[in-house]
N, C-alpha and C. Protein backbone atom coordinates (compact mmCIF):
# COMPACT_ATOMS: atom_id res chain seq x y z
N MET A 1 213.03 102.93 83.95
CA MET A 1 213.91 102.72 82.42
C MET A 1 212.93 101.79 82.16
N THR A 2 212.15 102.42 81.08
CA THR A 2 211.59 101.02 80.11
C THR A 2 212.51 99.69 79.35
N ARG A 3 211.96 99.45 79.13
CA ARG A 3 212.51 97.30 78.45
C ARG A 3 211.28 97.51 77.46
N GLN A 4 212.09 98.25 75.98
CA GLN A 4 211.54 97.83 75.30
C GLN A 4 211.10 95.97 74.28
N SER A 5 209.71 96.09 73.67
CA SER A 5 209.88 94.47 73.56
C SER A 5 210.71 94.20 71.85
N SER A 6 211.14 92.86 71.76
CA SER A 6 212.00 93.23 70.53
C SER A 6 211.38 92.12 69.76
N VAL A 7 209.11 91.86 69.87
CA VAL A 7 208.32 91.45 69.68
C VAL A 7 208.19 92.18 68.46
N PRO A 8 207.75 91.98 67.57
CA PRO A 8 207.10 92.48 66.26
C PRO A 8 206.16 92.87 66.43
N PRO A 9 205.17 93.68 65.81
CA PRO A 9 203.42 94.02 66.24
C PRO A 9 203.10 92.83 64.87
N ALA A 10 201.85 92.13 65.83
CA ALA A 10 200.87 91.48 64.58
C ALA A 10 200.92 92.09 63.40
N PRO A 11 200.70 91.09 62.45
CA PRO A 11 200.78 92.01 60.81
C PRO A 11 198.86 92.05 61.16
N PRO A 12 198.08 93.37 60.22
CA PRO A 12 197.31 92.82 60.08
C PRO A 12 196.49 92.45 60.00
N ALA A 13 194.69 92.10 60.76
CA ALA A 13 194.24 91.04 60.60
C ALA A 13 193.76 91.04 58.50
N ARG A 14 193.49 89.56 58.31
CA ARG A 14 192.90 89.73 56.86
C ARG A 14 191.78 89.46 56.43
N PRO A 15 191.57 89.41 55.83
CA PRO A 15 189.23 89.67 55.04
C PRO A 15 189.65 87.25 54.98
N PRO A 16 188.55 87.24 55.79
CA PRO A 16 188.65 85.05 55.50
C PRO A 16 188.93 85.06 53.83
N ILE A 17 189.31 84.30 52.92
CA ILE A 17 189.52 83.80 51.62
C ILE A 17 187.53 82.90 51.61
N THR A 18 187.20 83.32 50.80
CA THR A 18 185.95 82.76 50.33
C THR A 18 186.32 82.35 49.64
N CYS A 19 184.92 80.72 48.95
CA CYS A 19 185.18 80.52 47.58
C CYS A 19 184.20 80.52 47.40
N SER A 20 183.92 80.48 45.71
CA SER A 20 182.40 81.08 44.89
C SER A 20 182.24 79.77 44.60
N PRO A 21 181.03 79.62 45.08
CA PRO A 21 179.96 78.44 44.59
C PRO A 21 180.34 77.82 43.10
N SER A 22 180.77 76.61 42.68
CA SER A 22 180.73 76.21 41.84
C SER A 22 179.25 76.30 40.66
N ARG A 23 179.75 76.51 39.48
CA ARG A 23 178.29 77.00 38.59
C ARG A 23 178.01 75.43 38.35
N ARG A 24 179.20 74.25 38.40
CA ARG A 24 178.53 73.39 37.60
C ARG A 24 177.82 72.45 38.44
N THR A 25 176.91 71.73 38.54
CA THR A 25 175.97 70.69 39.69
C THR A 25 175.82 69.90 39.93
N GLY A 26 175.50 69.58 40.44
CA GLY A 26 175.82 67.42 41.06
C GLY A 26 176.04 66.78 39.85
N ARG A 27 174.77 66.86 39.45
CA ARG A 27 173.96 66.42 38.17
C ARG A 27 175.12 66.79 36.81
N THR A 28 175.74 67.61 36.69
CA THR A 28 176.88 67.99 35.49
C THR A 28 178.24 67.28 35.71
N VAL A 29 178.81 67.45 37.35
CA VAL A 29 179.88 66.67 37.53
C VAL A 29 179.46 64.78 37.59
N MET A 30 178.43 64.63 37.99
CA MET A 30 178.28 63.27 37.70
C MET A 30 177.89 62.74 36.25
N ASP A 31 177.68 63.25 35.51
CA ASP A 31 177.63 63.07 33.64
C ASP A 31 178.81 63.17 32.96
N ASP A 32 180.09 64.21 34.17
CA ASP A 32 181.58 64.12 32.69
C ASP A 32 182.01 62.88 33.46
N ARG A 33 181.79 62.21 34.50
CA ARG A 33 182.05 60.81 35.43
C ARG A 33 182.06 59.89 34.85
N ALA A 34 180.50 60.46 33.86
CA ALA A 34 179.85 58.48 33.57
C ALA A 34 180.88 58.76 32.31
N LYS A 35 180.46 59.76 32.01
CA LYS A 35 181.17 60.11 30.31
C LYS A 35 183.16 59.75 30.41
N LEU A 36 183.44 59.87 31.50
CA LEU A 36 184.97 59.61 31.26
C LEU A 36 185.37 58.55 31.92
N LEU A 37 184.43 57.71 33.03
CA LEU A 37 184.51 56.17 32.70
C LEU A 37 184.30 55.44 32.01
N ALA A 38 183.68 55.47 30.49
CA ALA A 38 182.82 55.31 29.75
C ALA A 38 184.43 55.40 28.86
N ARG A 39 184.66 56.37 28.61
CA ARG A 39 186.06 56.48 27.84
C ARG A 39 187.65 55.81 27.94
N LEU A 40 187.44 55.59 29.36
CA LEU A 40 188.62 54.68 29.82
C LEU A 40 188.09 53.24 29.47
N GLU A 41 186.82 52.91 29.49
CA GLU A 41 186.65 51.63 29.75
C GLU A 41 187.01 50.79 28.10
N ALA A 42 186.10 51.91 27.28
CA ALA A 42 186.10 52.17 25.43
C ALA A 42 188.48 51.52 25.49
N ALA A 43 188.82 52.46 26.11
CA ALA A 43 190.28 52.52 25.95
C ALA A 43 190.99 51.64 26.31
N LEU A 44 189.74 50.72 27.79
CA LEU A 44 190.69 49.29 28.02
C LEU A 44 190.56 48.63 27.45
N ALA A 45 189.38 48.67 26.46
CA ALA A 45 189.23 47.84 25.41
C ALA A 45 189.85 47.36 24.19
N THR A 46 190.21 48.33 23.69
CA THR A 46 191.94 48.34 23.01
C THR A 46 192.86 48.11 23.26
N LEU A 47 193.18 47.60 24.61
CA LEU A 47 194.95 47.28 25.20
C LEU A 47 194.62 45.67 24.70
N PRO A 48 195.94 45.12 24.02
CA PRO A 48 196.42 44.50 23.98
C PRO A 48 195.78 42.92 25.11
N PRO A 49 195.54 41.73 25.12
CA PRO A 49 194.79 41.11 26.47
C PRO A 49 196.09 41.46 27.31
N ARG A 50 197.44 40.85 27.44
CA ARG A 50 197.43 40.30 28.34
C ARG A 50 198.51 42.09 28.87
N THR A 51 198.53 43.14 28.00
CA THR A 51 198.61 44.68 28.74
C THR A 51 197.42 44.94 29.61
N ARG A 52 196.30 45.01 29.06
CA ARG A 52 195.02 44.52 29.45
C ARG A 52 195.13 44.51 31.27
N GLU A 53 195.70 42.88 31.12
CA GLU A 53 195.18 42.09 32.45
C GLU A 53 196.24 42.41 33.81
N VAL A 54 197.53 42.92 32.90
CA VAL A 54 198.88 43.34 33.82
C VAL A 54 198.54 45.18 34.24
N PHE A 55 197.64 45.92 33.30
CA PHE A 55 197.30 46.95 34.83
C PHE A 55 196.05 46.76 35.05
N LEU A 56 194.99 45.77 34.41
CA LEU A 56 193.86 45.61 36.02
C LEU A 56 194.29 45.20 37.09
N LEU A 57 195.91 44.24 36.83
CA LEU A 57 196.24 43.56 38.16
C LEU A 57 196.57 44.75 38.85
N HIS A 58 197.21 45.65 38.52
CA HIS A 58 198.36 46.16 39.48
C HIS A 58 197.27 47.56 39.66
N ARG A 59 196.30 47.60 38.48
CA ARG A 59 195.90 49.25 39.28
C ARG A 59 194.24 48.65 40.05
N VAL A 60 193.58 47.71 39.72
CA VAL A 60 192.61 47.25 40.38
C VAL A 60 192.79 46.11 41.34
N ALA A 61 193.60 45.55 41.48
CA ALA A 61 193.81 44.79 42.15
C ALA A 61 194.77 44.35 42.90
N ASP A 62 195.68 45.82 42.62
CA ASP A 62 196.44 46.65 43.58
C ASP A 62 197.74 44.87 44.34
N LEU A 63 197.99 44.42 42.51
CA LEU A 63 199.36 43.88 43.02
C LEU A 63 200.44 44.04 42.48
N ALA A 64 201.34 44.09 43.75
CA ALA A 64 202.31 44.57 42.95
C ALA A 64 203.44 43.73 42.23
N TYR A 65 203.82 44.74 41.02
CA TYR A 65 204.64 43.56 40.18
C TYR A 65 205.37 42.05 39.44
N PRO A 66 206.46 41.45 40.94
CA PRO A 66 206.65 40.79 41.23
C PRO A 66 205.54 39.48 41.35
N ASP A 67 204.37 40.04 42.50
CA ASP A 67 202.74 39.21 42.17
C ASP A 67 202.75 38.99 40.38
N ILE A 68 202.27 40.19 39.98
CA ILE A 68 201.91 39.92 38.72
C ILE A 68 203.49 39.25 37.65
N ALA A 69 204.26 39.15 37.57
CA ALA A 69 204.97 38.24 36.91
C ALA A 69 204.68 37.32 37.33
N GLU A 70 204.49 36.41 38.64
CA GLU A 70 204.52 35.31 38.89
C GLU A 70 203.53 35.16 38.57
N ARG A 71 202.42 35.20 38.60
CA ARG A 71 200.84 34.97 38.16
C ARG A 71 201.17 34.92 36.71
N LEU A 72 201.18 35.16 35.81
CA LEU A 72 201.30 36.04 34.80
C LEU A 72 202.25 34.70 34.20
N ASP A 73 203.73 34.33 34.74
CA ASP A 73 205.01 33.75 34.69
C ASP A 73 205.66 34.51 33.55
N VAL A 74 206.00 35.40 33.59
CA VAL A 74 206.93 36.49 33.33
C VAL A 74 207.90 36.80 33.81
N ASP A 75 209.00 37.69 32.90
CA ASP A 75 210.12 38.32 33.79
C ASP A 75 209.45 39.48 34.75
N VAL A 76 209.97 39.68 35.78
CA VAL A 76 209.40 41.57 35.91
C VAL A 76 209.64 42.56 35.26
N ARG A 77 209.98 42.39 34.51
CA ARG A 77 210.69 43.49 33.03
C ARG A 77 209.29 43.42 32.45
N VAL A 78 208.74 42.31 31.83
CA VAL A 78 207.54 42.15 31.13
C VAL A 78 206.30 42.64 32.06
N VAL A 79 206.44 42.90 32.91
CA VAL A 79 205.16 43.54 33.90
C VAL A 79 205.76 44.84 33.30
N GLU A 80 207.22 45.26 33.38
CA GLU A 80 206.98 46.61 33.34
C GLU A 80 206.77 47.31 32.45
N ARG A 81 207.43 46.80 31.82
CA ARG A 81 206.69 46.95 30.51
C ARG A 81 205.62 46.84 29.98
N GLU A 82 205.20 45.64 29.90
CA GLU A 82 203.19 46.18 29.69
C GLU A 82 202.97 47.29 29.79
N LEU A 83 202.23 47.54 31.84
CA LEU A 83 202.37 48.68 32.11
C LEU A 83 202.86 49.88 31.24
N ALA A 84 203.94 50.20 31.54
CA ALA A 84 204.01 51.55 30.88
C ALA A 84 203.20 51.26 29.26
N GLU A 85 203.10 50.70 28.58
CA GLU A 85 202.65 50.64 27.30
C GLU A 85 201.12 51.05 27.63
N ALA A 86 200.47 49.96 28.77
CA ALA A 86 199.14 50.37 29.17
C ALA A 86 198.62 51.68 28.77
N LEU A 87 199.84 53.01 30.10
CA LEU A 87 199.42 53.45 30.50
C LEU A 87 199.83 54.89 29.34
N PHE A 88 200.82 54.28 28.18
CA PHE A 88 200.60 55.87 27.69
C PHE A 88 199.20 55.26 26.48
N LEU A 89 199.24 53.91 25.89
CA LEU A 89 197.92 53.54 25.97
C LEU A 89 196.35 54.70 25.77
N ILE A 90 196.55 54.21 27.32
CA ILE A 90 195.17 54.67 27.77
C ILE A 90 195.32 56.03 27.78
N ASP A 91 195.72 56.74 27.66
CA ASP A 91 196.76 58.02 28.15
C ASP A 91 196.91 58.84 26.73
N VAL A 92 196.63 58.08 25.67
CA VAL A 92 196.44 58.70 24.17
C VAL A 92 195.10 58.64 23.90
N ALA A 93 194.57 57.74 24.35
CA ALA A 93 193.13 57.22 24.16
C ALA A 93 192.05 58.41 24.74
N LEU A 94 192.64 58.83 26.40
CA LEU A 94 191.89 59.93 26.94
C LEU A 94 191.99 60.85 26.38
N ARG A 95 193.41 61.81 25.68
CA ARG A 95 193.81 62.39 25.11
C ARG A 95 192.45 63.19 24.05
N THR A 96 192.66 62.38 22.77
CA THR A 96 192.09 62.13 21.03
C THR A 96 190.82 62.39 21.57
N GLY A 97 190.43 61.08 22.27
CA GLY A 97 188.84 61.61 22.98
C GLY A 97 188.13 63.23 23.38
N GLN A 98 189.09 63.81 24.28
CA GLN A 98 188.60 64.72 25.21
C GLN A 98 189.50 66.31 23.50
N GLU A 99 189.98 65.79 22.31
CA GLU A 99 190.44 66.35 21.78
C GLU A 99 189.00 66.60 20.43
N GLU A 100 188.00 65.44 20.36
CA GLU A 100 187.29 65.23 19.83
C GLU A 100 185.96 65.93 20.92
N GLY A 101 185.89 66.45 21.27
CA GLY A 101 184.74 66.60 21.75
C GLY A 101 184.01 66.39 23.00
N GLY A 102 185.11 65.04 23.75
CA GLY A 102 184.73 64.68 24.59
C GLY A 102 184.88 65.32 26.15
N THR A 103 184.06 65.08 27.34
CA THR A 103 185.36 65.58 28.20
C THR A 103 186.43 65.09 29.34
């Protein structure tokens, strides 16, 4: 008496996945990043002073909301509002720049 295996046969081997090389050169990518950075800096420059400060303290200095609130002597809710405003205004500025032919 022969025992039948309950293990199903292995699926057929698939060909390896290959990625096509990018058509963009390293220089093109760096140019695009430089343009994006310039647009981001321009967007930051348009923010109201406290909004910009809250954004930079949170996103660059990596401070938590309570720490920012203490440093600026404001309520944490003010920090939350200012950061939301900063993100909204930066998003609008970057999208507007993109629609005007930027990267």
